[in-house]
Amino acid sequence: MYDMKSISKMELLEVNAPAAMKAFMAFDKAALVDGAIPKKYKELIAIAVAFTTQCPYCIEIHARSARGAGATEQEIAEAVLVAAALRAGGAITHDTHAMQGT
């Protein structure tokens, strides 16, 4: 179902909404460059978010970018587990809406 070749279909967004897509791409690029947070760490954050949102394209793209920025497999694995902990934590904290208390 998910094939990285499908990413090329994003060109249709640029064709049909060029101004918005250009702005999005500029924002995306600006958000991930070295700054107060180095690019490697931004890519590890992006991996964690991608696993939380469960976007296979983002997972592939940001894992590749993180490795290119010097991230190790151990760092990537830990980012994935941080995402898993936060996703599970959301279920735990939402328990407060289900429990009646006594």
PDB file of N, CA and C in Angstrom:
ATOM      1  N   MET A   1       0.812  -1.190   0.000  1.00  0.00           N
ATOM      2  CA  MET A   1       0.000   0.000   0.000  1.00  0.00           C
ATOM      3  C   MET A   1       0.861   1.261   0.000  1.00  0.00           C
ATOM      4  N   TYR A   2       1.850   1.309   0.876  1.00  0.00           N
ATOM      5  CA  TYR A   2       2.725   2.463   0.923  1.00  0.00           C
ATOM      6  C   TYR A   2       3.968   2.154   0.109  1.00  0.00           C
ATOM      7  N   ASP A   3       4.234   2.990  -0.855  1.00  0.00           N
ATOM      8  CA  ASP A   3       5.389   2.830  -1.713  1.00  0.00           C
ATOM      9  C   ASP A   3       6.041   4.202  -1.832  1.00  0.00           C
ATOM     10  N   MET A   4       7.313   4.283  -1.551  1.00  0.00           N
ATOM     11  CA  MET A   4       7.996   5.570  -1.606  1.00  0.00           C
ATOM     12  C   MET A   4       7.865   6.226  -2.979  1.00  0.00           C
ATOM     13  N   LYS A   5       7.625   5.444  -4.014  1.00  0.00           N
ATOM     14  CA  LYS A   5       7.419   6.018  -5.349  1.00  0.00           C
ATOM     15  C   LYS A   5       6.187   6.925  -5.367  1.00  0.00           C
ATOM     16  N   SER A   6       5.245   6.660  -4.481  1.00  0.00           N
ATOM     17  CA  SER A   6       4.024   7.468  -4.431  1.00  0.00           C
ATOM     18  C   SER A   6       4.295   8.911  -4.009  1.00  0.00           C
ATOM     19  N   ILE A   7       5.424   9.147  -3.372  1.00  0.00           N
ATOM     20  CA  ILE A   7       5.789  10.503  -2.952  1.00  0.00           C
ATOM     21  C   ILE A   7       5.783  11.446  -4.157  1.00  0.00           C
ATOM     22  N   SER A   8       6.089  10.909  -5.335  1.00  0.00           N
ATOM     23  CA  SER A   8       6.116  11.761  -6.526  1.00  0.00           C
ATOM     24  C   SER A   8       4.750  12.387  -6.798  1.00  0.00           C
ATOM     25  N   LYS A   9       3.697  11.787  -6.285  1.00  0.00           N
ATOM     26  CA  LYS A   9       2.353  12.339  -6.473  1.00  0.00           C
ATOM     27  C   LYS A   9       2.159  13.654  -5.720  1.00  0.00           C
ATOM     28  N   MET A  10       3.085  13.963  -4.816  1.00  0.00           N
ATOM     29  CA  MET A  10       3.002  15.247  -4.121  1.00  0.00           C
ATOM     30  C   MET A  10       3.136  16.404  -5.102  1.00  0.00           C
ATOM     31  N   GLU A  11       3.706  16.124  -6.270  1.00  0.00           N
ATOM     32  CA  GLU A  11       3.803  17.155  -7.295  1.00  0.00           C
ATOM     33  C   GLU A  11       2.421  17.700  -7.662  1.00  0.00           C
ATOM     34  N   LEU A  12       1.411  16.856  -7.514  1.00  0.00           N
ATOM     35  CA  LEU A  12       0.051  17.301  -7.810  1.00  0.00           C
ATOM     36  C   LEU A  12      -0.400  18.412  -6.864  1.00  0.00           C
ATOM     37  N   LEU A  13       0.089  18.380  -5.637  1.00  0.00           N
ATOM     38  CA  LEU A  13      -0.209  19.473  -4.705  1.00  0.00           C
ATOM     39  C   LEU A  13       0.422  20.768  -5.200  1.00  0.00           C
ATOM     40  N   GLU A  14       1.648  20.652  -5.689  1.00  0.00           N
ATOM     41  CA  GLU A  14       2.343  21.839  -6.189  1.00  0.00           C
ATOM     42  C   GLU A  14       1.655  22.394  -7.436  1.00  0.00           C
ATOM     43  N   VAL A  15       1.170  21.499  -8.292  1.00  0.00           N
ATOM     44  CA  VAL A  15       0.463  21.926  -9.498  1.00  0.00           C
ATOM     45  C   VAL A  15      -0.851  22.607  -9.140  1.00  0.00           C
ATOM     46  N   ASN A  16      -1.572  22.032  -8.206  1.00  0.00           N
ATOM     47  CA  ASN A  16      -2.915  22.511  -7.888  1.00  0.00           C
ATOM     48  C   ASN A  16      -2.981  23.593  -6.817  1.00  0.00           C
ATOM     49  N   ALA A  17      -1.955  23.688  -6.003  1.00  0.00           N
ATOM     50  CA  ALA A  17      -1.906  24.723  -4.960  1.00  0.00           C
ATOM     51  C   ALA A  17      -0.459  25.186  -4.801  1.00  0.00           C
ATOM     52  N   PRO A  18       0.093  25.806  -5.828  1.00  0.00           N
ATOM     53  CA  PRO A  18       1.524  26.121  -5.827  1.00  0.00           C
ATOM     54  C   PRO A  18       1.986  27.038  -4.702  1.00  0.00           C
ATOM     55  N   ALA A  19       1.241  28.068  -4.398  1.00  0.00           N
ATOM     56  CA  ALA A  19       1.683  29.001  -3.356  1.00  0.00           C
ATOM     57  C   ALA A  19       1.732  28.326  -1.990  1.00  0.00           C
ATOM     58  N   ALA A  20       0.682  27.596  -1.660  1.00  0.00           N
ATOM     59  CA  ALA A  20       0.632  26.922  -0.360  1.00  0.00           C
ATOM     60  C   ALA A  20       1.704  25.841  -0.265  1.00  0.00           C
ATOM     61  N   MET A  21       1.900  25.088  -1.337  1.00  0.00           N
ATOM     62  CA  MET A  21       2.899  24.021  -1.305  1.00  0.00           C
ATOM     63  C   MET A  21       4.313  24.602  -1.209  1.00  0.00           C
ATOM     64  N   LYS A  22       4.561  25.691  -1.922  1.00  0.00           N
ATOM     65  CA  LYS A  22       5.872  26.343  -1.836  1.00  0.00           C
ATOM     66  C   LYS A  22       6.124  26.825  -0.410  1.00  0.00           C
ATOM     67  N   ALA A  23       5.109  27.409   0.207  1.00  0.00           N
ATOM     68  CA  ALA A  23       5.238  27.884   1.588  1.00  0.00           C
ATOM     69  C   ALA A  23       5.470  26.722   2.544  1.00  0.00           C
ATOM     70  N   PHE A  24       4.742  25.623   2.331  1.00  0.00           N
ATOM     71  CA  PHE A  24       4.927  24.456   3.191  1.00  0.00           C
ATOM     72  C   PHE A  24       6.350  23.921   3.069  1.00  0.00           C
ATOM     73  N   MET A  25       6.838  23.763   1.842  1.00  0.00           N
ATOM     74  CA  MET A  25       8.180  23.209   1.641  1.00  0.00           C
ATOM     75  C   MET A  25       9.249  24.114   2.269  1.00  0.00           C
ATOM     76  N   ALA A  26       9.072  25.419   2.165  1.00  0.00           N
ATOM     77  CA  ALA A  26      10.022  26.351   2.781  1.00  0.00           C
ATOM     78  C   ALA A  26       9.991  26.229   4.301  1.00  0.00           C
ATOM     79  N   PHE A  27       8.783  26.120   4.858  1.00  0.00           N
ATOM     80  CA  PHE A  27       8.640  25.965   6.302  1.00  0.00           C
ATOM     81  C   PHE A  27       9.270  24.656   6.766  1.00  0.00           C
ATOM     82  N   ASP A  28       8.977  23.566   6.062  1.00  0.00           N
ATOM     83  CA  ASP A  28       9.526  22.255   6.405  1.00  0.00           C
ATOM     84  C   ASP A  28      11.049  22.296   6.400  1.00  0.00           C
ATOM     85  N   LYS A  29      11.615  22.881   5.377  1.00  0.00           N
ATOM     86  CA  LYS A  29      13.072  22.982   5.270  1.00  0.00           C
ATOM     87  C   LYS A  29      13.649  23.820   6.408  1.00  0.00           C
ATOM     88  N   ALA A  30      13.020  24.962   6.685  1.00  0.00           N
ATOM     89  CA  ALA A  30      13.505  25.856   7.742  1.00  0.00           C
ATOM     90  C   ALA A  30      13.426  25.201   9.119  1.00  0.00           C
ATOM     91  N   ALA A  31      12.393  24.408   9.334  1.00  0.00           N
ATOM     92  CA  ALA A  31      12.213  23.772  10.641  1.00  0.00           C
ATOM     93  C   ALA A  31      13.279  22.729  10.936  1.00  0.00           C
ATOM     94  N   LEU A  32      13.878  22.164   9.895  1.00  0.00           N
ATOM     95  CA  LEU A  32      14.798  21.047  10.096  1.00  0.00           C
ATOM     96  C   LEU A  32      16.279  21.393   9.947  1.00  0.00           C
ATOM     97  N   VAL A  33      16.603  22.643   9.654  1.00  0.00           N
ATOM     98  CA  VAL A  33      18.021  22.998   9.527  1.00  0.00           C
ATOM     99  C   VAL A  33      18.660  23.159  10.902  1.00  0.00           C
ATOM    100  N   ASP A  34      19.992  23.125  10.919  1.00  0.00           N
ATOM    101  CA  ASP A  34      20.724  23.370  12.160  1.00  0.00           C
ATOM    102  C   ASP A  34      20.311  24.706  12.749  1.00  0.00           C
ATOM    103  N   GLY A  35      20.143  24.712  14.025  1.00  0.00           N
ATOM    104  CA  GLY A  35      19.815  25.938  14.754  1.00  0.00           C
ATOM    105  C   GLY A  35      20.243  25.730  16.189  1.00  0.00           C
ATOM    106  N   ALA A  36      19.464  26.223  17.121  1.00  0.00           N
ATOM    107  CA  ALA A  36      19.759  25.983  18.535  1.00  0.00           C
ATOM    108  C   ALA A  36      19.747  24.480  18.799  1.00  0.00           C
ATOM    109  N   ILE A  37      18.899  23.773  18.059  1.00  0.00           N
ATOM    110  CA  ILE A  37      18.881  22.305  18.102  1.00  0.00           C
ATOM    111  C   ILE A  37      19.569  21.820  16.830  1.00  0.00           C
ATOM    112  N   PRO A  38      20.614  21.016  16.952  1.00  0.00           N
ATOM    113  CA  PRO A  38      21.302  20.511  15.760  1.00  0.00           C
ATOM    114  C   PRO A  38      20.379  19.640  14.894  1.00  0.00           C
ATOM    115  N   LYS A  39      20.662  19.619  13.589  1.00  0.00           N
ATOM    116  CA  LYS A  39      19.850  18.870  12.629  1.00  0.00           C
ATOM    117  C   LYS A  39      19.669  17.414  13.058  1.00  0.00           C
ATOM    118  N   LYS A  40      20.716  16.769  13.559  1.00  0.00           N
ATOM    119  CA  LYS A  40      20.602  15.364  13.974  1.00  0.00           C
ATOM    120  C   LYS A  40      19.489  15.198  15.001  1.00  0.00           C
ATOM    121  N   TYR A  41      19.432  16.073  15.973  1.00  0.00           N
ATOM    122  CA  TYR A  41      18.407  15.964  17.011  1.00  0.00           C
ATOM    123  C   TYR A  41      17.025  16.295  16.467  1.00  0.00           C
ATOM    124  N   LYS A  42      16.962  17.254  15.553  1.00  0.00           N
ATOM    125  CA  LYS A  42      15.677  17.567  14.932  1.00  0.00           C
ATOM    126  C   LYS A  42      15.156  16.366  14.154  1.00  0.00           C
ATOM    127  N   GLU A  43      16.048  15.647  13.482  1.00  0.00           N
ATOM    128  CA  GLU A  43      15.625  14.462  12.735  1.00  0.00           C
ATOM    129  C   GLU A  43      15.198  13.342  13.676  1.00  0.00           C
ATOM    130  N   LEU A  44      15.848  13.221  14.824  1.00  0.00           N
ATOM    131  CA  LEU A  44      15.415  12.223  15.813  1.00  0.00           C
ATOM    132  C   LEU A  44      14.041  12.593  16.373  1.00  0.00           C
ATOM    133  N   ILE A  45      13.805  13.880  16.589  1.00  0.00           N
ATOM    134  CA  ILE A  45      12.474  14.333  17.008  1.00  0.00           C
ATOM    135  C   ILE A  45      11.462  13.992  15.919  1.00  0.00           C
ATOM    136  N   ALA A  46      11.840  14.250  14.668  1.00  0.00           N
ATOM    137  CA  ALA A  46      10.945  13.969  13.542  1.00  0.00           C
ATOM    138  C   ALA A  46      10.612  12.483  13.459  1.00  0.00           C
ATOM    139  N   ILE A  47      11.596  11.625  13.731  1.00  0.00           N
ATOM    140  CA  ILE A  47      11.334  10.183  13.734  1.00  0.00           C
ATOM    141  C   ILE A  47      10.310   9.850  14.811  1.00  0.00           C
ATOM    142  N   ALA A  48      10.495  10.390  16.000  1.00  0.00           N
ATOM    143  CA  ALA A  48       9.558  10.107  17.091  1.00  0.00           C
ATOM    144  C   ALA A  48       8.151  10.571  16.733  1.00  0.00           C
ATOM    145  N   VAL A  49       8.046  11.752  16.159  1.00  0.00           N
ATOM    146  CA  VAL A  49       6.729  12.260  15.752  1.00  0.00           C
ATOM    147  C   VAL A  49       6.147  11.367  14.658  1.00  0.00           C
ATOM    148  N   ALA A  50       6.986  10.975  13.699  1.00  0.00           N
ATOM    149  CA  ALA A  50       6.514  10.119  12.601  1.00  0.00           C
ATOM    150  C   ALA A  50       5.986   8.787  13.118  1.00  0.00           C
ATOM    151  N   PHE A  51       6.627   8.219  14.107  1.00  0.00           N
ATOM    152  CA  PHE A  51       6.116   6.972  14.678  1.00  0.00           C
ATOM    153  C   PHE A  51       4.832   7.211  15.459  1.00  0.00           C
ATOM    154  N   THR A  52       4.717   8.374  16.063  1.00  0.00           N
ATOM    155  CA  THR A  52       3.494   8.695  16.795  1.00  0.00           C
ATOM    156  C   THR A  52       2.328   8.916  15.837  1.00  0.00           C
ATOM    157  N   THR A  53       2.586   9.615  14.719  1.00  0.00           N
ATOM    158  CA  THR A  53       1.535   9.842  13.729  1.00  0.00           C
ATOM    159  C   THR A  53       1.381   8.650  12.793  1.00  0.00           C
ATOM    160  N   GLN A  54       2.354   7.749  12.847  1.00  0.00           N
ATOM    161  CA  GLN A  54       2.370   6.510  12.063  1.00  0.00           C
ATOM    162  C   GLN A  54       2.363   6.770  10.560  1.00  0.00           C
ATOM    163  N   CYS A  55       3.157   7.746  10.124  1.00  0.00           N
ATOM    164  CA  CYS A  55       3.300   8.050   8.705  1.00  0.00           C
ATOM    165  C   CYS A  55       4.506   7.292   8.158  1.00  0.00           C
ATOM    166  N   PRO A  56       4.287   6.260   7.343  1.00  0.00           N
ATOM    167  CA  PRO A  56       5.409   5.473   6.848  1.00  0.00           C
ATOM    168  C   PRO A  56       6.364   6.270   5.966  1.00  0.00           C
ATOM    169  N   TYR A  57       5.834   7.250   5.242  1.00  0.00           N
ATOM    170  CA  TYR A  57       6.708   8.071   4.409  1.00  0.00           C
ATOM    171  C   TYR A  57       7.627   8.921   5.277  1.00  0.00           C
ATOM    172  N   CYS A  58       7.075   9.527   6.312  1.00  0.00           N
ATOM    173  CA  CYS A  58       7.874  10.341   7.224  1.00  0.00           C
ATOM    174  C   CYS A  58       8.906   9.491   7.956  1.00  0.00           C
ATOM    175  N   ILE A  59       8.520   8.290   8.348  1.00  0.00           N
ATOM    176  CA  ILE A  59       9.461   7.393   9.021  1.00  0.00           C
ATOM    177  C   ILE A  59      10.652   7.139   8.120  1.00  0.00           C
ATOM    178  N   GLU A  60      10.390   6.776   6.877  1.00  0.00           N
ATOM    179  CA  GLU A  60      11.459   6.481   5.910  1.00  0.00           C
ATOM    180  C   GLU A  60      12.335   7.707   5.654  1.00  0.00           C
ATOM    181  N   ILE A  61      11.695   8.822   5.375  1.00  0.00           N
ATOM    182  CA  ILE A  61      12.436  10.045   5.043  1.00  0.00           C
ATOM    183  C   ILE A  61      13.281  10.519   6.214  1.00  0.00           C
ATOM    184  N   HIS A  62      12.703  10.555   7.416  1.00  0.00           N
ATOM    185  CA  HIS A  62      13.445  11.107   8.555  1.00  0.00           C
ATOM    186  C   HIS A  62      14.458  10.126   9.125  1.00  0.00           C
ATOM    187  N   ALA A  63      14.223   8.827   8.999  1.00  0.00           N
ATOM    188  CA  ALA A  63      15.250   7.863   9.415  1.00  0.00           C
ATOM    189  C   ALA A  63      16.473   8.007   8.515  1.00  0.00           C
ATOM    190  N   ARG A  64      16.237   8.142   7.217  1.00  0.00           N
ATOM    191  CA  ARG A  64      17.348   8.332   6.273  1.00  0.00           C
ATOM    192  C   ARG A  64      18.076   9.646   6.568  1.00  0.00           C
ATOM    193  N   SER A  65      17.324  10.705   6.801  1.00  0.00           N
ATOM    194  CA  SER A  65      17.932  12.010   7.094  1.00  0.00           C
ATOM    195  C   SER A  65      18.689  11.992   8.419  1.00  0.00           C
ATOM    196  N   ALA A  66      18.139  11.306   9.404  1.00  0.00           N
ATOM    197  CA  ALA A  66      18.817  11.215  10.703  1.00  0.00           C
ATOM    198  C   ALA A  66      20.155  10.497  10.558  1.00  0.00           C
ATOM    199  N   ARG A  67      20.149   9.392   9.817  1.00  0.00           N
ATOM    200  CA  ARG A  67      21.416   8.682   9.586  1.00  0.00           C
ATOM    201  C   ARG A  67      22.408   9.589   8.863  1.00  0.00           C
ATOM    202  N   GLY A  68      21.912  10.338   7.876  1.00  0.00           N
ATOM    203  CA  GLY A  68      22.774  11.258   7.140  1.00  0.00           C
ATOM    204  C   GLY A  68      23.336  12.362   8.019  1.00  0.00           C
ATOM    205  N   ALA A  69      22.608  12.706   9.061  1.00  0.00           N
ATOM    206  CA  ALA A  69      23.058  13.738  10.008  1.00  0.00           C
ATOM    207  C   ALA A  69      23.903  13.142  11.128  1.00  0.00           C
ATOM    208  N   GLY A  70      24.173  11.834  11.048  1.00  0.00           N
ATOM    209  CA  GLY A  70      25.062  11.201  12.030  1.00  0.00           C
ATOM    210  C   GLY A  70      24.387  10.412  13.128  1.00  0.00           C
ATOM    211  N   ALA A  71      23.080  10.229  13.061  1.00  0.00           N
ATOM    212  CA  ALA A  71      22.390   9.460  14.100  1.00  0.00           C
ATOM    213  C   ALA A  71      22.756   7.983  13.993  1.00  0.00           C
ATOM    214  N   THR A  72      22.905   7.359  15.133  1.00  0.00           N
ATOM    215  CA  THR A  72      23.225   5.935  15.181  1.00  0.00           C
ATOM    216  C   THR A  72      21.940   5.114  15.258  1.00  0.00           C
ATOM    217  N   GLU A  73      22.055   3.830  15.026  1.00  0.00           N
ATOM    218  CA  GLU A  73      20.899   2.945  15.163  1.00  0.00           C
ATOM    219  C   GLU A  73      20.373   2.964  16.595  1.00  0.00           C
ATOM    220  N   GLN A  74      21.280   3.067  17.566  1.00  0.00           N
ATOM    221  CA  GLN A  74      20.857   3.126  18.964  1.00  0.00           C
ATOM    222  C   GLN A  74      20.048   4.396  19.232  1.00  0.00           C
ATOM    223  N   GLU A  75      20.478   5.519  18.681  1.00  0.00           N
ATOM    224  CA  GLU A  75      19.728   6.765  18.871  1.00  0.00           C
ATOM    225  C   GLU A  75      18.351   6.684  18.213  1.00  0.00           C
ATOM    226  N   ILE A  76      18.300   6.094  17.025  1.00  0.00           N
ATOM    227  CA  ILE A  76      17.018   5.934  16.342  1.00  0.00           C
ATOM    228  C   ILE A  76      16.104   5.020  17.148  1.00  0.00           C
ATOM    229  N   ALA A  77      16.651   3.916  17.650  1.00  0.00           N
ATOM    230  CA  ALA A  77      15.858   2.991  18.455  1.00  0.00           C
ATOM    231  C   ALA A  77      15.302   3.688  19.697  1.00  0.00           C
ATOM    232  N   GLU A  78      16.121   4.500  20.350  1.00  0.00           N
ATOM    233  CA  GLU A  78      15.652   5.198  21.544  1.00  0.00           C
ATOM    234  C   GLU A  78      14.581   6.224  21.195  1.00  0.00           C
ATOM    235  N   ALA A  79      14.709   6.895  20.050  1.00  0.00           N
ATOM    236  CA  ALA A  79      13.679   7.842  19.613  1.00  0.00           C
ATOM    237  C   ALA A  79      12.350   7.123  19.384  1.00  0.00           C
ATOM    238  N   VAL A  80      12.421   5.943  18.794  1.00  0.00           N
ATOM    239  CA  VAL A  80      11.208   5.149  18.566  1.00  0.00           C
ATOM    240  C   VAL A  80      10.561   4.771  19.901  1.00  0.00           C
ATOM    241  N   LEU A  81      11.365   4.403  20.866  1.00  0.00           N
ATOM    242  CA  LEU A  81      10.819   4.007  22.162  1.00  0.00           C
ATOM    243  C   LEU A  81      10.263   5.201  22.934  1.00  0.00           C
ATOM    244  N   VAL A  82      10.855   6.382  22.756  1.00  0.00           N
ATOM    245  CA  VAL A  82      10.270   7.584  23.361  1.00  0.00           C
ATOM    246  C   VAL A  82       8.880   7.812  22.765  1.00  0.00           C
ATOM    247  N   ALA A  83       8.769   7.666  21.447  1.00  0.00           N
ATOM    248  CA  ALA A  83       7.468   7.818  20.788  1.00  0.00           C
ATOM    249  C   ALA A  83       6.468   6.799  21.321  1.00  0.00           C
ATOM    250  N   ALA A  84       6.912   5.567  21.475  1.00  0.00           N
ATOM    251  CA  ALA A  84       6.019   4.516  21.978  1.00  0.00           C
ATOM    252  C   ALA A  84       5.554   4.827  23.399  1.00  0.00           C
ATOM    253  N   ALA A  85       6.471   5.317  24.223  1.00  0.00           N
ATOM    254  CA  ALA A  85       6.113   5.645  25.606  1.00  0.00           C
ATOM    255  C   ALA A  85       5.091   6.775  25.656  1.00  0.00           C
ATOM    256  N   LEU A  86       5.288   7.790  24.830  1.00  0.00           N
ATOM    257  CA  LEU A  86       4.344   8.904  24.834  1.00  0.00           C
ATOM    258  C   LEU A  86       2.994   8.510  24.267  1.00  0.00           C
ATOM    259  N   ARG A  87       3.009   7.679  23.246  1.00  0.00           N
ATOM    260  CA  ARG A  87       1.731   7.231  22.673  1.00  0.00           C
ATOM    261  C   ARG A  87       0.972   6.386  23.700  1.00  0.00           C
ATOM    262  N   ALA A  88       1.673   5.510  24.383  1.00  0.00           N
ATOM    263  CA  ALA A  88       1.036   4.696  25.422  1.00  0.00           C
ATOM    264  C   ALA A  88       0.610   5.567  26.603  1.00  0.00           C
ATOM    265  N   GLY A  89       1.423   6.558  26.922  1.00  0.00           N
ATOM    266  CA  GLY A  89       1.110   7.447  28.031  1.00  0.00           C
ATOM    267  C   GLY A  89      -0.197   8.199  27.802  1.00  0.00           C
ATOM    268  N   GLY A  90      -0.481   8.516  26.549  1.00  0.00           N
ATOM    269  CA  GLY A  90      -1.740   9.188  26.229  1.00  0.00           C
ATOM    270  C   GLY A  90      -2.933   8.338  26.622  1.00  0.00           C
ATOM    271  N   ALA A  91      -2.845   7.037  26.385  1.00  0.00           N
ATOM    272  CA  ALA A  91      -3.936   6.133  26.769  1.00  0.00           C
ATOM    273  C   ALA A  91      -4.083   6.099  28.289  1.00  0.00           C
ATOM    274  N   ILE A  92      -2.966   6.091  28.984  1.00  0.00           N
ATOM    275  CA  ILE A  92      -3.008   6.042  30.450  1.00  0.00           C
ATOM    276  C   ILE A  92      -3.631   7.315  31.015  1.00  0.00           C
ATOM    277  N   THR A  93      -3.194   8.469  30.518  1.00  0.00           N
ATOM    278  CA  THR A  93      -3.723   9.706  31.081  1.00  0.00           C
ATOM    279  C   THR A  93      -5.181   9.942  30.697  1.00  0.00           C
ATOM    280  N   HIS A  94      -5.603   9.426  29.544  1.00  0.00           N
ATOM    281  CA  HIS A  94      -7.011   9.562  29.172  1.00  0.00           C
ATOM    282  C   HIS A  94      -7.917   8.669  30.027  1.00  0.00           C
ATOM    283  N   ASP A  95      -7.310   7.784  30.767  1.00  0.00           N
ATOM    284  CA  ASP A  95      -8.058   6.970  31.718  1.00  0.00           C
ATOM    285  C   ASP A  95      -8.829   7.859  32.698  1.00  0.00           C
ATOM    286  N   THR A  96      -8.325   9.044  32.915  1.00  0.00           N
ATOM    287  CA  THR A  96      -9.001   9.946  33.855  1.00  0.00           C
ATOM    288  C   THR A  96     -10.413  10.290  33.398  1.00  0.00           C
ATOM    289  N   HIS A  97     -10.699  10.128  32.110  1.00  0.00           N
ATOM    290  CA  HIS A  97     -12.049  10.370  31.589  1.00  0.00           C
ATOM    291  C   HIS A  97     -12.958   9.159  31.724  1.00  0.00           C
ATOM    292  N   ALA A  98     -12.339   7.996  31.948  1.00  0.00           N
ATOM    293  CA  ALA A  98     -13.121   6.773  32.040  1.00  0.00           C
ATOM    294  C   ALA A  98     -13.405   6.350  33.483  1.00  0.00           C
ATOM    295  N   MET A  99     -12.495   6.661  34.371  1.00  0.00           N
ATOM    296  CA  MET A  99     -12.623   6.200  35.750  1.00  0.00           C
ATOM    297  C   MET A  99     -13.576   7.106  36.528  1.00  0.00           C
ATOM    298  N   GLN A 100     -14.427   6.497  37.325  1.00  0.00           N
ATOM    299  CA  GLN A 100     -15.405   7.253  38.100  1.00  0.00           C
ATOM    300  C   GLN A 100     -14.868   7.682  39.450  1.00  0.00           C
ATOM    301  N   GLY A 101     -13.922   6.952  39.959  1.00  0.00           N
ATOM    302  CA  GLY A 101     -13.423   7.268  41.296  1.00  0.00           C
ATOM    303  C   GLY A 101     -14.430   6.873  42.362  1.00  0.00           C
ATOM    304  N   THR A 102     -14.002   6.851  43.569  1.00  0.00           N
ATOM    305  CA  THR A 102     -14.927   6.522  44.662  1.00  0.00           C
ATOM    306  C   THR A 102     -14.851   7.529  45.758  1.00  0.00           C
TER     307      THR A 102
END
